[in-house]
Amino acid sequence: MERRLPLDQNDCTIRIWDVRSGQCENTLKDQDDHVKGVVFSPDGTKIASGSNDKTIRIWDVRSGQCENILKGHDQGVKSVAFSTDGTKIVSGSKEKTIRIWDVRSGQCENTYSQRSG
């Protein structure tokens, strides 16, 4: 079982908590707006976060540094998830689109949108 938990905060930060001790291990600060979704990569070395600022950020857990900012959504990002192998990120946003991103390049590989009607 993972002993760390990333939580989005109302102050535009992400805090990584040790669930056993209840102590905050790290605070990630670099979002321009409220964080709406946050998730660990399958190997636990990265965090992906989605924000109302329309971006997805990829963080290095150990250093706490932002490694990449993925841009392409037209409205705030509400959810993020890693693929099981950790090479892709799936994001969903308020404009009712889902995007598939390559973690290494930061490029959007596919966009799916809800059709009206």
C-alpha atoms as a PDB file:
ATOM      1  CA  MET A   1       0.000   0.000   0.000  1.00  0.00           C
ATOM      2  CA  GLU A   2       1.232   3.490  -0.872  1.00  0.00           C
ATOM      3  CA  ARG A   3       2.122   5.384   2.270  1.00  0.00           C
ATOM      4  CA  ARG A   4       1.945   8.824   0.659  1.00  0.00           C
ATOM      5  CA  LEU A   5      -1.092  10.780  -0.410  1.00  0.00           C
ATOM      6  CA  PRO A   6      -1.074  13.862  -2.662  1.00  0.00           C
ATOM      7  CA  LEU A   7      -3.862  16.325  -1.913  1.00  0.00           C
ATOM      8  CA  ASP A   8      -4.834  19.487  -3.728  1.00  0.00           C
ATOM      9  CA  GLN A   9      -5.312  22.502  -1.492  1.00  0.00           C
ATOM     10  CA  ASN A  10      -7.433  25.642  -1.748  1.00  0.00           C
ATOM     11  CA  ASP A  11      -4.279  27.773  -1.830  1.00  0.00           C
ATOM     12  CA  CYS A  12      -3.042  26.593  -5.272  1.00  0.00           C
ATOM     13  CA  THR A  13      -0.577  24.095  -3.781  1.00  0.00           C
ATOM     14  CA  ILE A  14      -0.276  20.320  -3.570  1.00  0.00           C
ATOM     15  CA  ARG A  15       0.762  18.728  -0.307  1.00  0.00           C
ATOM     16  CA  ILE A  16       2.197  15.224  -0.075  1.00  0.00           C
ATOM     17  CA  TRP A  17       1.182  13.573   3.187  1.00  0.00           C
ATOM     18  CA  ASP A  18       2.631  10.528   4.894  1.00  0.00           C
ATOM     19  CA  VAL A  19      -0.500   8.577   5.825  1.00  0.00           C
ATOM     20  CA  ARG A  20       1.187   6.718   8.679  1.00  0.00           C
ATOM     21  CA  SER A  21       2.667   9.691  10.504  1.00  0.00           C
ATOM     22  CA  GLY A  22       0.152  12.318   9.378  1.00  0.00           C
ATOM     23  CA  GLN A  23       3.043  14.651   8.507  1.00  0.00           C
ATOM     24  CA  CYS A  24       3.303  16.767   5.375  1.00  0.00           C
ATOM     25  CA  GLU A  25       6.397  15.585   3.472  1.00  0.00           C
ATOM     26  CA  ASN A  26       6.453  18.258   0.785  1.00  0.00           C
ATOM     27  CA  THR A  27       4.474  21.180  -0.603  1.00  0.00           C
ATOM     28  CA  LEU A  28       4.490  21.757  -4.359  1.00  0.00           C
ATOM     29  CA  LYS A  29       3.967  25.394  -5.318  1.00  0.00           C
ATOM     30  CA  ASP A  30       3.726  26.504  -8.909  1.00  0.00           C
ATOM     31  CA  GLN A  31       0.084  26.405  -9.921  1.00  0.00           C
ATOM     32  CA  ASP A  32      -1.486  29.636 -11.146  1.00  0.00           C
ATOM     33  CA  ASP A  33      -4.979  28.634 -10.039  1.00  0.00           C
ATOM     34  CA  HIS A  34      -6.775  26.064  -7.923  1.00  0.00           C
ATOM     35  CA  VAL A  35      -5.732  22.437  -8.386  1.00  0.00           C
ATOM     36  CA  LYS A  36      -8.663  20.174  -9.280  1.00  0.00           C
ATOM     37  CA  GLY A  37      -7.028  16.790  -9.773  1.00  0.00           C
ATOM     38  CA  VAL A  38      -3.827  15.182  -8.576  1.00  0.00           C
ATOM     39  CA  VAL A  39      -2.420  11.660  -8.947  1.00  0.00           C
ATOM     40  CA  PHE A  40       0.804   9.682  -8.450  1.00  0.00           C
ATOM     41  CA  SER A  41       2.412   7.877 -11.376  1.00  0.00           C
ATOM     42  CA  PRO A  42       2.292   4.071 -11.051  1.00  0.00           C
ATOM     43  CA  ASP A  43       5.941   3.945  -9.903  1.00  0.00           C
ATOM     44  CA  GLY A  44       5.411   6.784  -7.398  1.00  0.00           C
ATOM     45  CA  THR A  45       8.167   9.024  -8.815  1.00  0.00           C
ATOM     46  CA  LYS A  46       5.927  11.649 -10.445  1.00  0.00           C
ATOM     47  CA  ILE A  47       2.718  13.525  -9.730  1.00  0.00           C
ATOM     48  CA  ALA A  48       0.370  14.909 -12.364  1.00  0.00           C
ATOM     49  CA  SER A  49      -1.891  17.796 -11.417  1.00  0.00           C
ATOM     50  CA  GLY A  50      -4.678  19.509 -13.311  1.00  0.00           C
ATOM     51  CA  SER A  51      -5.721  23.075 -12.604  1.00  0.00           C
ATOM     52  CA  ASN A  52      -8.273  25.755 -13.360  1.00  0.00           C
ATOM     53  CA  ASP A  53      -5.434  27.530 -15.197  1.00  0.00           C
ATOM     54  CA  LYS A  54      -6.060  25.042 -18.084  1.00  0.00           C
ATOM     55  CA  THR A  55      -2.767  23.174 -17.595  1.00  0.00           C
ATOM     56  CA  ILE A  56      -1.453  19.821 -16.415  1.00  0.00           C
ATOM     57  CA  ARG A  57       1.801  19.890 -14.503  1.00  0.00           C
ATOM     58  CA  ILE A  58       4.162  16.946 -14.099  1.00  0.00           C
ATOM     59  CA  TRP A  59       6.123  17.016 -10.843  1.00  0.00           C
ATOM     60  CA  ASP A  60       9.151  15.101  -9.622  1.00  0.00           C
ATOM     61  CA  VAL A  61       8.145  13.726  -6.214  1.00  0.00           C
ATOM     62  CA  ARG A  62      11.647  13.592  -4.762  1.00  0.00           C
ATOM     63  CA  SER A  63      12.753  17.134  -5.690  1.00  0.00           C
ATOM     64  CA  GLY A  64       9.315  18.755  -5.680  1.00  0.00           C
ATOM     65  CA  GLN A  65      10.152  20.489  -8.959  1.00  0.00           C
ATOM     66  CA  CYS A  66       7.771  20.926 -11.870  1.00  0.00           C
ATOM     67  CA  GLU A  67       9.226  18.995 -14.824  1.00  0.00           C
ATOM     68  CA  ASN A  68       6.761  19.985 -17.514  1.00  0.00           C
ATOM     69  CA  ILE A  69       3.607  22.031 -18.102  1.00  0.00           C
ATOM     70  CA  LEU A  70       1.146  20.566 -20.612  1.00  0.00           C
ATOM     71  CA  LYS A  71      -1.028  23.134 -22.392  1.00  0.00           C
ATOM     72  CA  GLY A  72      -3.913  22.583 -24.768  1.00  0.00           C
ATOM     73  CA  HIS A  73      -7.208  22.677 -22.894  1.00  0.00           C
ATOM     74  CA  ASP A  74      -9.479  25.685 -23.423  1.00  0.00           C
ATOM     75  CA  GLN A  75     -10.962  25.521 -19.920  1.00  0.00           C
ATOM     76  CA  GLY A  76      -9.927  24.283 -16.479  1.00  0.00           C
ATOM     77  CA  VAL A  77      -8.673  20.716 -16.077  1.00  0.00           C
ATOM     78  CA  LYS A  78     -10.869  18.760 -13.683  1.00  0.00           C
ATOM     79  CA  SER A  79      -9.226  15.334 -13.657  1.00  0.00           C
ATOM     80  CA  VAL A  80      -5.946  13.595 -14.467  1.00  0.00           C
ATOM     81  CA  ALA A  81      -4.814   9.963 -14.542  1.00  0.00           C
ATOM     82  CA  PHE A  82      -1.671   8.075 -15.536  1.00  0.00           C
ATOM     83  CA  SER A  83      -1.745   5.045 -17.800  1.00  0.00           C
ATOM     84  CA  THR A  84      -0.784   1.809 -16.036  1.00  0.00           C
ATOM     85  CA  ASP A  85       2.712   1.936 -17.548  1.00  0.00           C
ATOM     86  CA  GLY A  86       3.165   5.628 -16.623  1.00  0.00           C
ATOM     87  CA  THR A  87       3.943   6.782 -20.160  1.00  0.00           C
ATOM     88  CA  LYS A  88       0.651   8.608 -20.807  1.00  0.00           C
ATOM     89  CA  ILE A  89      -1.563  11.052 -18.943  1.00  0.00           C
ATOM     90  CA  VAL A  90      -5.291  11.351 -19.570  1.00  0.00           C
ATOM     91  CA  SER A  91      -6.909  14.673 -18.697  1.00  0.00           C
ATOM     92  CA  GLY A  92     -10.510  15.836 -18.675  1.00  0.00           C
ATOM     93  CA  SER A  93     -11.618  19.443 -18.682  1.00  0.00           C
ATOM     94  CA  LYS A  94     -14.631  21.700 -18.321  1.00  0.00           C
ATOM     95  CA  GLU A  95     -14.914  22.112 -22.110  1.00  0.00           C
ATOM     96  CA  LYS A  96     -15.939  18.429 -22.187  1.00  0.00           C
ATOM     97  CA  THR A  97     -12.788  17.127 -23.828  1.00  0.00           C
ATOM     98  CA  ILE A  98     -10.435  14.329 -22.906  1.00  0.00           C
ATOM     99  CA  ARG A  99      -6.816  14.551 -23.987  1.00  0.00           C
ATOM    100  CA  ILE A 100      -4.129  11.873 -24.108  1.00  0.00           C
ATOM    101  CA  TRP A 101      -0.596  13.181 -23.434  1.00  0.00           C
ATOM    102  CA  ASP A 102       2.840  11.639 -23.811  1.00  0.00           C
ATOM    103  CA  VAL A 103       4.643  12.096 -20.472  1.00  0.00           C
ATOM    104  CA  ARG A 104       8.167  12.374 -21.936  1.00  0.00           C
ATOM    105  CA  SER A 105       7.489  14.796 -24.781  1.00  0.00           C
ATOM    106  CA  GLY A 106       4.555  16.636 -23.191  1.00  0.00           C
ATOM    107  CA  GLN A 107       2.729  16.483 -26.521  1.00  0.00           C
ATOM    108  CA  CYS A 108      -0.996  15.910 -26.841  1.00  0.00           C
ATOM    109  CA  GLU A 109      -1.467  12.725 -28.864  1.00  0.00           C
ATOM    110  CA  ASN A 110      -5.248  12.643 -29.101  1.00  0.00           C
ATOM    111  CA  THR A 111      -8.311  14.709 -28.221  1.00  0.00           C
ATOM    112  CA  TYR A 112     -11.822  13.380 -27.727  1.00  0.00           C
ATOM    113  CA  SER A 113     -14.798  15.704 -27.373  1.00  0.00           C
ATOM    114  CA  GLN A 114     -18.416  15.193 -26.431  1.00  0.00           C
ATOM    115  CA  ARG A 115     -20.678  15.514 -29.407  1.00  0.00           C
ATOM    116  CA  SER A 116     -23.822  17.561 -28.988  1.00  0.00           C
ATOM    117  CA  GLY A 117     -27.196  16.135 -29.806  1.00  0.00           C
END
